[in-house]
Protein backbone atom coordinates (compact mmCIF):
# COMPACT_ATOMS: atom_id res chain seq x y z
CA MET A 1 102.20 100.96 84.83
CA THR A 2 105.96 100.84 85.42
CA VAL A 3 107.54 102.66 88.00
CA ILE A 4 109.45 104.61 85.19
CA ALA A 5 106.06 105.78 84.03
CA MET A 6 105.23 106.74 87.27
CA GLN A 7 108.38 109.08 87.80
CA ASN A 8 107.67 110.80 84.53
CA GLY A 9 104.32 111.90 85.32
CA ALA A 10 100.97 111.34 82.98
CA GLU A 11 102.16 114.02 80.66
CA GLY A 12 106.22 112.96 80.55
CA GLU A 13 107.39 116.24 82.09
CA SER A 14 111.16 116.25 81.78
CA GLN A 15 111.72 118.71 84.64
CA ARG A 16 110.73 116.27 87.80
CA VAL A 17 112.10 115.87 91.20
CA PRO A 18 113.38 112.27 91.64
CA ILE A 19 111.31 109.95 93.67
CA PRO A 20 113.03 107.06 95.07
CA ILE A 21 111.22 104.27 94.57
CA ILE A 22 112.21 100.99 96.52
CA ALA A 23 110.94 97.31 96.61
CA LEU A 24 110.10 95.43 99.97
CA THR A 25 109.16 91.65 99.52
CA ALA A 26 109.55 88.49 101.25
CA ASP A 27 110.58 87.11 97.58
CA THR A 28 114.80 86.88 98.14
CA MET A 29 115.27 84.98 94.93
CA PRO A 30 118.06 86.91 92.75
CA ASP A 31 116.06 87.53 89.55
CA ASN A 32 113.19 88.90 91.39
CA GLN A 33 116.20 92.13 92.52
CA ASP A 34 116.80 92.08 88.65
CA ARG A 35 113.37 92.08 87.22
CA CYS A 36 112.74 95.36 90.37
CA SER A 37 115.63 96.76 88.62
CA ASP A 38 114.68 96.77 85.05
CA ALA A 39 111.15 98.14 86.28
CA GLY A 40 113.32 101.28 87.37
CA MET A 41 113.33 100.59 90.98
CA ASN A 42 116.12 102.27 92.78
CA ASP A 43 116.78 99.63 95.86
CA PHE A 44 116.04 96.37 96.89
CA ILE A 45 114.59 95.24 100.90
CA THR A 46 113.87 91.93 101.60
CA LYS A 47 111.99 90.79 104.63
CA PRO A 48 112.04 90.62 107.49
CA ILE A 49 113.94 94.07 108.29
CA THR A 50 115.92 94.16 111.36
CA LYS A 51 116.48 97.44 113.37
CA ASP A 52 120.11 97.94 114.00
C-alpha cells in the first residue's frame, strides 16, 4: 500500500484531513529520498537525529 492510498483512506474519501508522512531512515543515498517522495511522503529525515 502506498502512502497516497493510506492518506485517501479505504474508501478513497475526497474530503480528508491531510496527514503528514515523514520518512525516518538511516539510508542517506539520494535515490532513497526520491523513492520516498514518489511514494507520496511529505518529508525525509535521516538518522541519527541531533537535538539543536
